[in-house]
Amino acid sequence: MIPVPKDDYLLSLRGVRERCFKVQEAAARQQLRHFDVDNTKLNDIVQILVSLIKRDYGHPSEIPTHSRWRHFDVGGRPRIQTLINSWASLGQDNLEQTRRTLDLFTVACLLDVEAGHNWSYREKTTNRYHKRCEGVAVAILDLFLAGFFSSDPSDPHRVDSEALIGLTLENLTTGLQITDNNILVGLEDRLGLLHHLGQVLKDRSDFFGGNVPRPGNLMDYLLAHPTTIKTQKGPLIHLETLWPIVQEMGEMWAAEKGKGGTPGLGDVWPCETIKYSNDPNNTEHFVTFHKLSQWLVYSLIEPMTKLLGATIEGTDLLTPLPDYRNGGLLMDTGFITLKKDDLERGLENYRQNSLIPGQPKVEIAPMFEMSDPVVVEWRALTTAYLDLVAERVRDSLKLSRKDLSLSQLIEGGTWSAGRELAEISRPNTQEPPIVIKIGDRVIY
């Protein structure tokens, strides 16, 4: 993809919602290129989410936020809180507890590879097997506890630049229990992300400290920043102060390396659906997602608020994440459907890919490259329509945004519903209704 001039708007969070709604507006005019929308199904989605929330929670206020923390607690075991309690018992103060948790969560987000049905991880303490994103989280926690991401054996519970830069594919393969029969794809790209993070930690001592560069040291940067306000409850931190840090952690590298997005802008893609100018320098048809950076924000601010009493100003700019569970929800309910030509093209892509040794051959689903216009349109529709769904769910439950945050709605509603519908619709693989071609999943 040809680099475009740096555009602060396209790098911003504000641009995500606005550009995705441009695609939704095209849908309202029936001008989409790749999907048909059945607006009569929108209320069905709302009712599914309301039913799910009522089934799983006594009150919506009980829904936790959407973050990587949830994946660590698989099986009802509060692994992260137990770890935090152990640090406290050893005399570590709240700030160091926060640094360590941010260390762990940063690596866990960057290693959040979509683990298919052919991989599982046996937890060391329980001998139980875990799969998918929860399995990856538990594996990373075990590695973290063993000092895998620390260069100092006397201080194992940290992540530092030296250890990350020195990681090898063999280290990661062994740590994640990968074998010829226990397959996890996309690990090379994820290792590249960790190597990049290690270098960023060294290069940006202003963000991550100069003595032992760690992701968790960004907390010190935020606390000392002139825009941060000290209150009786805790620090008030502006999201815009955190935002450029998380973008450097992985998203910008992925775009530069051709792993997802536009060089210089990150997870930003041209969308022909809203292209109305022939000017080659015009970027008004570029749609922004910043999915990995948003996932980091959702995940990192939770320990900041829980451990330090921090308030993060500006979280209303965060959007629904255009991931495969949220996107799958719109398709598996029939709200959006692929147009005939794209469906046939995607199925042929899958068939051709299935001829390659080791590639999936069950539960045929349309397959596209990450950069395919179908995927760009799908992700934009996911982001915009789930914003509209969120408002309708709140109206149905008679709740305000404060009473049911977008983060809670994703966790207890859209993401959970997307997963359950995938299990019902494709029980063998539980894959999304559109498969992103393996090896091209760094951002998505």
Protein backbone atom coordinates (compact mmCIF):
# COMPACT_ATOMS: atom_id res chain seq x y z
CA MET A 1 0.00 0.00 0.00
CA ILE A 2 1.35 3.47 -0.88
CA PRO A 3 2.13 5.64 2.17
CA VAL A 4 0.03 8.77 2.53
CA PRO A 5 1.00 12.04 4.24
CA LYS A 6 0.63 12.03 8.02
CA ASP A 7 -2.88 13.08 8.94
CA ASP A 8 -3.56 13.80 12.61
CA TYR A 9 -7.29 13.29 12.07
CA LEU A 10 -6.78 9.78 10.73
CA LEU A 11 -4.45 9.00 13.64
CA SER A 12 -7.04 10.18 16.15
CA LEU A 13 -9.76 8.29 17.97
CA ARG A 14 -12.31 10.89 16.92
CA GLY A 15 -11.93 9.88 13.30
CA VAL A 16 -12.87 6.23 13.94
CA ARG A 17 -16.52 6.79 14.78
CA GLU A 18 -16.99 9.56 12.19
CA ARG A 19 -15.52 7.63 9.26
CA CYS A 20 -17.31 4.39 10.14
CA PHE A 21 -20.61 6.27 10.26
CA LYS A 22 -19.92 7.56 6.76
CA VAL A 23 -20.08 3.92 5.64
CA GLN A 24 -23.25 3.41 7.69
CA GLU A 25 -24.78 6.43 5.99
CA ALA A 26 -23.98 4.82 2.63
CA ALA A 27 -25.78 1.73 3.91
CA ALA A 28 -28.83 3.84 4.78
CA ARG A 29 -28.83 5.08 1.16
CA GLN A 30 -28.44 1.47 -0.06
CA GLN A 31 -25.07 2.32 -1.60
CA LEU A 32 -22.92 -0.39 -0.03
CA ARG A 33 -20.74 -2.32 -2.46
CA HIS A 34 -20.36 -5.60 -0.61
CA PHE A 35 -23.19 -6.09 1.90
CA ASP A 36 -26.96 -5.91 2.04
CA VAL A 37 -28.56 -4.64 5.25
CA ASP A 38 -31.89 -5.89 6.63
CA ASN A 39 -32.95 -3.17 9.07
CA THR A 40 -35.85 -5.29 10.26
CA LYS A 41 -33.28 -7.49 12.04
CA LEU A 42 -31.83 -4.68 14.14
CA ASN A 43 -34.39 -5.12 16.88
CA ASP A 44 -33.63 -8.86 16.90
CA ILE A 45 -30.02 -8.05 17.81
CA VAL A 46 -31.20 -5.73 20.58
CA GLN A 47 -33.47 -8.41 22.02
CA ILE A 48 -30.72 -11.03 21.90
CA LEU A 49 -28.39 -8.73 23.83
CA VAL A 50 -31.03 -7.76 26.39
CA SER A 51 -31.86 -11.45 26.96
CA LEU A 52 -28.17 -12.34 27.30
CA ILE A 53 -27.56 -9.60 29.86
CA LYS A 54 -30.61 -10.63 31.89
CA ARG A 55 -29.55 -14.30 31.71
CA ASP A 56 -25.97 -13.75 32.84
CA TYR A 57 -26.21 -10.84 35.28
CA GLY A 58 -28.52 -9.98 38.16
CA HIS A 59 -28.20 -6.32 37.16
CA PRO A 60 -26.34 -4.66 34.28
CA SER A 61 -24.13 -2.86 36.83
CA GLU A 62 -22.54 -6.27 37.53
CA ILE A 63 -21.13 -6.51 33.99
CA PRO A 64 -17.35 -6.04 34.05
CA THR A 65 -15.55 -3.95 31.48
CA HIS A 66 -14.29 -5.39 28.22
CA SER A 67 -10.57 -5.97 28.66
CA ARG A 68 -7.86 -8.64 28.56
CA TRP A 69 -8.34 -9.06 32.33
CA ARG A 70 -11.49 -11.14 31.67
CA HIS A 71 -9.58 -13.75 29.67
CA PHE A 72 -7.18 -14.43 32.54
CA ASP A 73 -10.10 -15.29 34.84
CA VAL A 74 -11.34 -18.22 32.73
CA GLY A 75 -13.03 -20.94 34.76
CA GLY A 76 -14.02 -18.48 37.46
CA ARG A 77 -10.49 -18.30 38.90
CA PRO A 78 -9.44 -14.72 39.80
CA ARG A 79 -5.85 -15.22 38.69
CA ILE A 80 -4.94 -11.55 38.31
CA GLN A 81 -6.42 -10.43 41.64
CA THR A 82 -4.69 -13.34 43.36
CA LEU A 83 -1.40 -12.24 41.82
CA ILE A 84 -1.96 -8.61 42.84
CA ASN A 85 -2.74 -9.74 46.40
CA SER A 86 0.52 -11.70 46.50
CA TRP A 87 2.48 -8.61 45.43
CA ALA A 88 0.75 -6.54 48.10
CA SER A 89 1.62 -9.13 50.77
CA LEU A 90 5.29 -8.79 49.77
CA GLY A 91 5.16 -5.03 50.32
CA GLN A 92 4.79 -3.81 46.73
CA ASP A 93 2.86 -0.54 46.71
CA ASN A 94 -0.12 0.20 44.47
CA LEU A 95 2.02 1.96 41.86
CA GLU A 96 4.36 -1.00 41.42
CA GLN A 97 1.40 -3.38 41.37
CA THR A 98 -0.03 -1.26 38.55
CA ARG A 99 3.28 -1.24 36.64
CA ARG A 100 3.49 -5.02 36.81
CA THR A 101 -0.10 -5.49 35.71
CA LEU A 102 0.42 -3.09 32.79
CA ASP A 103 3.56 -5.04 31.85
CA LEU A 104 1.57 -8.27 31.74
CA PHE A 105 -1.48 -6.85 29.98
CA THR A 106 0.58 -5.14 27.27
CA VAL A 107 2.25 -8.39 26.26
CA ALA A 108 -1.05 -10.24 26.58
CA CYS A 109 -2.76 -7.85 24.16
CA LEU A 110 0.05 -8.02 21.62
CA LEU A 111 0.03 -11.82 21.81
CA ASP A 112 -3.77 -11.97 21.53
CA VAL A 113 -3.61 -14.17 18.46
CA GLU A 114 -6.85 -15.84 17.36
CA ALA A 115 -6.27 -19.41 18.50
CA GLY A 116 -8.32 -21.74 16.34
CA HIS A 117 -9.93 -24.98 17.40
CA ASN A 118 -6.70 -26.93 16.81
CA TRP A 119 -4.82 -25.42 19.75
CA SER A 120 -5.12 -25.64 23.53
CA TYR A 121 -2.90 -24.92 26.52
CA ARG A 122 -2.50 -27.00 29.67
CA GLU A 123 -2.27 -24.70 32.68
CA LYS A 124 0.68 -25.53 34.91
CA THR A 125 -1.05 -25.12 38.29
CA THR A 126 -4.33 -26.88 37.52
CA ASN A 127 -3.43 -29.18 34.59
CA ARG A 128 -6.65 -27.98 32.95
CA TYR A 129 -6.77 -27.30 29.24
CA HIS A 130 -7.83 -23.88 27.94
CA LYS A 131 -8.53 -22.84 24.38
CA ARG A 132 -8.82 -19.70 22.26
CA CYS A 133 -8.12 -16.22 23.67
CA GLU A 134 -8.48 -17.44 27.26
CA GLY A 135 -5.96 -20.21 26.65
CA VAL A 136 -3.45 -17.74 25.22
CA ALA A 137 -3.97 -15.46 28.23
CA VAL A 138 -3.36 -18.24 30.74
CA ALA A 139 -0.27 -19.34 28.80
CA ILE A 140 1.12 -15.79 28.89
CA LEU A 141 0.42 -15.55 32.61
CA ASP A 142 2.38 -18.76 33.21
CA LEU A 143 5.27 -17.40 31.15
CA PHE A 144 5.15 -14.08 32.99
CA LEU A 145 5.23 -15.80 36.38
CA ALA A 146 8.24 -17.84 35.23
CA GLY A 147 10.17 -14.68 34.32
CA PHE A 148 9.96 -15.33 30.59
CA PHE A 149 9.64 -11.61 29.79
CA SER A 150 12.20 -10.37 32.37
CA SER A 151 15.98 -10.16 31.92
CA ASP A 152 16.54 -10.29 35.69
CA PRO A 153 15.98 -13.70 37.37
CA SER A 154 15.73 -11.95 40.75
CA ASP A 155 12.82 -9.82 39.48
CA PRO A 156 10.76 -12.20 37.31
CA HIS A 157 7.36 -10.46 37.47
CA ARG A 158 8.04 -7.75 34.93
CA VAL A 159 8.41 -7.17 31.17
CA ASP A 160 11.54 -5.35 29.99
CA SER A 161 13.12 -4.37 26.70
CA GLU A 162 16.15 -6.64 26.94
CA ALA A 163 14.07 -9.78 27.45
CA LEU A 164 11.66 -8.92 24.64
CA ILE A 165 14.40 -8.22 22.12
CA GLY A 166 16.07 -11.53 23.00
CA LEU A 167 12.97 -13.70 22.54
CA THR A 168 13.16 -16.37 19.85
CA LEU A 169 10.43 -18.19 17.98
CA GLU A 170 11.59 -21.40 19.64
CA ASN A 171 11.13 -19.79 23.09
CA LEU A 172 7.60 -18.72 22.22
CA THR A 173 6.69 -22.01 20.54
CA THR A 174 7.79 -24.00 23.57
CA GLY A 175 6.11 -21.63 26.01
CA LEU A 176 2.78 -21.86 24.20
CA GLN A 177 3.05 -25.66 23.98
CA ILE A 178 2.90 -25.62 20.18
CA THR A 179 3.53 -28.91 18.38
CA ASP A 180 2.69 -30.40 14.99
CA ASN A 181 -0.63 -31.46 16.51
CA ASN A 182 -1.22 -28.36 18.66
CA ILE A 183 -1.13 -25.61 16.06
CA LEU A 184 -1.23 -21.87 16.67
CA VAL A 185 -0.90 -19.73 13.54
CA GLY A 186 0.46 -16.22 13.17
CA LEU A 187 3.10 -16.53 15.89
CA GLU A 188 5.94 -15.14 13.76
CA ASP A 189 4.09 -11.85 13.32
CA ARG A 190 3.35 -11.69 17.04
CA LEU A 191 7.02 -12.28 17.84
CA GLY A 192 7.79 -9.37 15.53
CA LEU A 193 5.41 -7.23 17.58
CA LEU A 194 7.25 -8.17 20.79
CA HIS A 195 10.66 -7.42 19.26
CA HIS A 196 9.29 -4.07 18.10
CA LEU A 197 7.92 -3.34 21.57
CA GLY A 198 11.32 -4.11 23.07
CA GLN A 199 12.95 -1.57 20.75
CA VAL A 200 10.26 1.05 21.41
CA LEU A 201 10.80 0.65 25.14
CA LYS A 202 14.49 1.44 24.62
CA ASP A 203 13.96 4.28 22.15
CA ARG A 204 11.21 6.09 24.07
CA SER A 205 12.74 6.55 27.50
CA ASP A 206 10.40 9.51 27.95
CA PHE A 207 7.46 7.10 27.97
CA PHE A 208 9.01 3.96 29.45
CA GLY A 209 11.94 5.03 31.63
CA GLY A 210 15.64 4.82 30.91
CA ASN A 211 17.05 2.48 33.56
CA VAL A 212 14.91 -0.63 33.06
CA PRO A 213 12.51 0.21 30.19
CA ARG A 214 9.14 -1.44 30.88
CA PRO A 215 5.61 -0.98 29.52
CA GLY A 216 4.40 -0.39 33.08
CA ASN A 217 6.61 2.68 33.41
CA LEU A 218 4.13 4.52 31.20
CA MET A 219 2.18 4.92 34.44
CA ASP A 220 4.93 7.17 35.80
CA TYR A 221 4.84 9.19 32.59
CA LEU A 222 1.07 9.64 32.86
CA LEU A 223 1.19 10.61 36.54
CA ALA A 224 3.89 13.23 35.89
CA HIS A 225 2.26 14.63 32.75
CA PRO A 226 1.17 18.29 33.07
CA THR A 227 -2.37 17.45 31.91
CA THR A 228 -2.89 14.93 34.73
CA ILE A 229 -4.82 16.32 37.70
CA LYS A 230 -4.45 14.96 41.22
CA THR A 231 -7.77 14.54 43.00
CA GLN A 232 -8.80 13.05 46.35
CA LYS A 233 -10.09 9.94 44.58
CA GLY A 234 -6.99 9.52 42.43
CA PRO A 235 -5.34 10.91 39.30
CA LEU A 236 -7.46 12.26 36.45
CA ILE A 237 -5.67 11.22 33.27
CA HIS A 238 -6.53 12.35 29.76
CA LEU A 239 -6.95 9.52 27.26
CA GLU A 240 -5.27 11.69 24.62
CA THR A 241 -2.07 11.50 26.71
CA LEU A 242 -2.11 7.70 26.61
CA TRP A 243 -3.25 7.39 22.99
CA PRO A 244 0.04 8.06 21.10
CA ILE A 245 1.87 5.67 23.43
CA VAL A 246 -0.36 2.70 22.70
CA GLN A 247 -0.23 3.38 18.95
CA GLU A 248 3.56 3.09 19.01
CA MET A 249 3.38 -0.20 20.89
CA GLY A 250 2.25 -2.24 17.91
CA GLU A 251 -0.23 -0.75 15.47
CA MET A 252 2.20 1.55 13.64
CA TRP A 253 4.77 -1.25 13.29
CA ALA A 254 2.17 -3.55 11.79
CA ALA A 255 1.21 -0.99 9.18
CA GLU A 256 4.85 -0.27 8.26
CA LYS A 257 5.55 -3.98 7.87
CA GLY A 258 2.57 -4.59 5.61
CA LYS A 259 0.73 -6.55 8.29
CA GLY A 260 -2.35 -4.38 8.47
CA GLY A 261 -3.16 -0.81 7.54
CA THR A 262 -1.57 2.23 5.93
CA PRO A 263 2.07 3.16 6.62
CA GLY A 264 2.26 6.28 8.75
CA LEU A 265 -1.38 5.97 9.83
CA GLY A 266 -1.79 2.47 11.29
CA ASP A 267 -5.08 0.56 11.14
CA VAL A 268 -6.52 2.83 8.42
CA TRP A 269 -7.83 1.61 5.06
CA PRO A 270 -9.24 3.07 1.84
CA CYS A 271 -12.93 2.32 1.38
CA GLU A 272 -14.25 2.64 -2.16
CA THR A 273 -17.80 2.71 -0.82
CA ILE A 274 -17.35 6.32 0.32
CA LYS A 275 -14.90 7.50 -2.33
CA TYR A 276 -16.34 10.57 -4.05
CA SER A 277 -13.16 12.28 -5.28
CA ASN A 278 -10.68 11.39 -8.02
CA ASP A 279 -7.91 13.38 -6.37
CA PRO A 280 -5.12 10.82 -5.63
CA ASN A 281 -4.10 12.81 -2.54
CA ASN A 282 -7.60 12.90 -1.09
CA THR A 283 -7.98 10.75 2.06
CA GLU A 284 -11.63 11.42 2.86
CA HIS A 285 -12.49 7.84 1.86
CA PHE A 286 -9.98 6.38 4.34
CA VAL A 287 -11.73 4.61 7.24
CA THR A 288 -9.94 4.34 10.57
CA PHE A 289 -10.30 1.57 13.16
CA HIS A 290 -7.19 1.54 15.41
CA LYS A 291 -8.43 -1.76 16.78
CA LEU A 292 -5.23 -3.00 18.44
CA SER A 293 -4.58 0.38 20.05
CA GLN A 294 -8.15 0.56 21.34
CA TRP A 295 -7.87 -2.98 22.72
CA LEU A 296 -4.75 -1.88 24.58
CA VAL A 297 -6.56 1.16 25.96
CA TYR A 298 -9.58 -0.87 27.10
CA SER A 299 -7.22 -3.33 28.80
CA LEU A 300 -4.69 -0.93 30.34
CA ILE A 301 -7.09 1.54 31.89
CA GLU A 302 -8.79 -1.14 34.00
CA PRO A 303 -5.81 -1.71 36.34
CA MET A 304 -5.21 2.04 36.45
CA THR A 305 -8.72 2.62 37.75
CA LYS A 306 -8.84 -0.39 40.07
CA LEU A 307 -5.40 -0.08 41.65
CA LEU A 308 -4.78 3.67 41.62
CA GLY A 309 -8.33 5.03 41.63
CA ALA A 310 -7.58 6.79 38.34
CA THR A 311 -10.25 8.43 36.24
CA ILE A 312 -9.61 8.36 32.50
CA GLU A 313 -11.03 11.42 30.78
CA GLY A 314 -12.19 10.90 27.19
CA THR A 315 -13.17 7.22 27.15
CA ASP A 316 -16.40 8.20 25.36
CA LEU A 317 -14.22 8.44 22.23
CA LEU A 318 -13.61 4.67 22.32
CA THR A 319 -15.73 2.67 19.88
CA PRO A 320 -17.05 -0.86 19.50
CA LEU A 321 -14.13 -3.01 18.38
CA PRO A 322 -14.38 -4.35 14.82
CA ASP A 323 -13.29 -7.84 15.80
CA TYR A 324 -14.55 -11.16 14.53
CA ARG A 325 -17.03 -11.71 17.39
CA ASN A 326 -18.71 -8.33 17.08
CA GLY A 327 -18.66 -8.51 13.29
CA GLY A 328 -19.95 -12.07 13.38
CA LEU A 329 -22.94 -10.98 15.47
CA LEU A 330 -24.19 -8.75 12.66
CA MET A 331 -23.85 -11.52 10.09
CA ASP A 332 -25.09 -14.50 12.10
CA THR A 333 -28.30 -12.64 12.94
CA GLY A 334 -28.87 -11.92 9.25
CA PHE A 335 -28.67 -8.17 9.80
CA ILE A 336 -25.97 -7.90 7.13
CA THR A 337 -25.30 -10.40 4.36
CA LEU A 338 -22.64 -10.59 1.71
CA LYS A 339 -23.73 -9.73 -1.81
CA LYS A 340 -23.84 -12.71 -4.17
CA ASP A 341 -20.67 -11.94 -6.15
CA ASP A 342 -18.59 -11.37 -3.02
CA LEU A 343 -19.96 -14.49 -1.37
CA GLU A 344 -18.98 -16.58 -4.39
CA ARG A 345 -15.55 -14.96 -4.54
CA GLY A 346 -14.99 -15.56 -0.81
CA LEU A 347 -16.02 -19.21 -1.07
CA GLU A 348 -13.65 -19.72 -4.00
CA ASN A 349 -10.87 -18.10 -1.94
CA TYR A 350 -11.58 -20.61 0.80
CA ARG A 351 -11.58 -23.52 -1.63
CA GLN A 352 -8.24 -22.48 -3.12
CA ASN A 353 -6.75 -21.98 0.33
CA SER A 354 -7.97 -25.40 1.48
CA LEU A 355 -5.79 -27.02 -1.20
CA ILE A 356 -2.68 -25.79 0.64
CA PRO A 357 -1.32 -28.41 3.08
CA GLY A 358 -2.21 -27.63 6.68
CA GLN A 359 -4.94 -25.13 5.84
CA PRO A 360 -8.53 -25.59 7.14
CA LYS A 361 -10.91 -27.73 5.10
CA VAL A 362 -14.02 -27.92 7.31
CA GLU A 363 -17.05 -25.67 7.67
CA ILE A 364 -16.57 -23.71 4.49
CA ALA A 365 -16.89 -19.96 4.95
CA PRO A 366 -16.03 -17.05 2.66
CA MET A 367 -12.38 -16.08 3.06
CA PHE A 368 -10.72 -12.74 2.32
CA GLU A 369 -7.42 -11.00 2.86
CA MET A 370 -7.36 -8.45 5.64
CA SER A 371 -7.03 -5.65 3.07
CA ASP A 372 -9.97 -6.82 0.95
CA PRO A 373 -12.69 -4.15 0.46
CA VAL A 374 -15.20 -6.65 1.86
CA VAL A 375 -13.37 -6.74 5.19
CA VAL A 376 -12.98 -2.95 5.33
CA GLU A 377 -16.71 -2.49 4.76
CA TRP A 378 -17.55 -5.24 7.27
CA ARG A 379 -15.41 -3.67 9.99
CA ALA A 380 -16.87 -0.20 9.40
CA LEU A 381 -20.44 -1.51 9.56
CA THR A 382 -19.60 -3.40 12.76
CA THR A 383 -18.23 -0.30 14.48
CA ALA A 384 -21.09 1.98 13.46
CA TYR A 385 -24.07 -0.32 13.85
CA LEU A 386 -23.00 -1.62 17.27
CA ASP A 387 -22.90 1.99 18.40
CA LEU A 388 -26.56 2.28 17.35
CA VAL A 389 -27.37 -1.08 18.94
CA ALA A 390 -25.82 0.11 22.21
CA GLU A 391 -28.22 3.04 22.39
CA ARG A 392 -31.21 0.80 21.72
CA VAL A 393 -30.14 -1.70 24.38
CA ARG A 394 -29.82 1.11 26.93
CA ASP A 395 -33.26 2.40 25.95
CA SER A 396 -34.74 -1.08 26.33
CA LEU A 397 -33.19 -1.50 29.79
CA LYS A 398 -33.93 2.14 30.72
CA LEU A 399 -30.27 2.79 31.48
CA SER A 400 -27.98 5.74 30.79
CA ARG A 401 -24.49 5.57 29.32
CA LYS A 402 -23.13 5.90 32.83
CA ASP A 403 -25.25 2.94 33.99
CA LEU A 404 -24.26 0.74 31.03
CA SER A 405 -21.00 1.76 29.42
CA LEU A 406 -20.03 0.73 25.92
CA SER A 407 -17.24 -1.37 27.42
CA GLN A 408 -19.74 -3.26 29.58
CA LEU A 409 -22.11 -3.75 26.66
CA ILE A 410 -19.34 -5.25 24.52
CA GLU A 411 -18.29 -7.61 27.33
CA GLY A 412 -21.71 -8.74 28.50
CA GLY A 413 -23.53 -8.40 25.20
CA THR A 414 -22.10 -8.08 21.71
CA TRP A 415 -18.87 -10.07 22.15
CA SER A 416 -20.54 -12.83 24.15
CA ALA A 417 -23.43 -13.05 21.70
CA GLY A 418 -21.04 -13.20 18.74
CA ARG A 419 -19.17 -16.08 20.32
CA GLU A 420 -22.31 -18.04 21.19
CA LEU A 421 -23.79 -17.59 17.71
CA ALA A 422 -20.52 -18.79 16.15
CA GLU A 423 -20.64 -21.90 18.34
CA ILE A 424 -24.19 -22.60 17.17
CA SER A 425 -23.67 -21.73 13.50
CA ARG A 426 -20.26 -23.39 13.06
CA PRO A 427 -19.92 -25.93 15.90
CA ASN A 428 -16.84 -27.68 14.53
CA THR A 429 -14.58 -24.64 14.29
CA GLN A 430 -16.55 -21.82 15.98
CA GLU A 431 -14.93 -19.53 13.41
CA PRO A 432 -16.47 -16.21 12.37
CA PRO A 433 -18.82 -16.14 9.35
CA ILE A 434 -16.03 -14.51 7.34
CA VAL A 435 -12.54 -15.97 7.66
CA ILE A 436 -9.59 -13.61 7.47
CA LYS A 437 -6.85 -15.43 5.61
CA ILE A 438 -4.39 -17.04 8.00
CA GLY A 439 -1.10 -15.21 8.35
CA ASP A 440 -2.66 -11.78 7.94
CA ARG A 441 -4.16 -11.23 11.37
CA VAL A 442 -1.86 -8.90 13.24
CA ILE A 443 -4.41 -6.13 13.68
CA TYR A 444 -7.71 -7.97 13.42
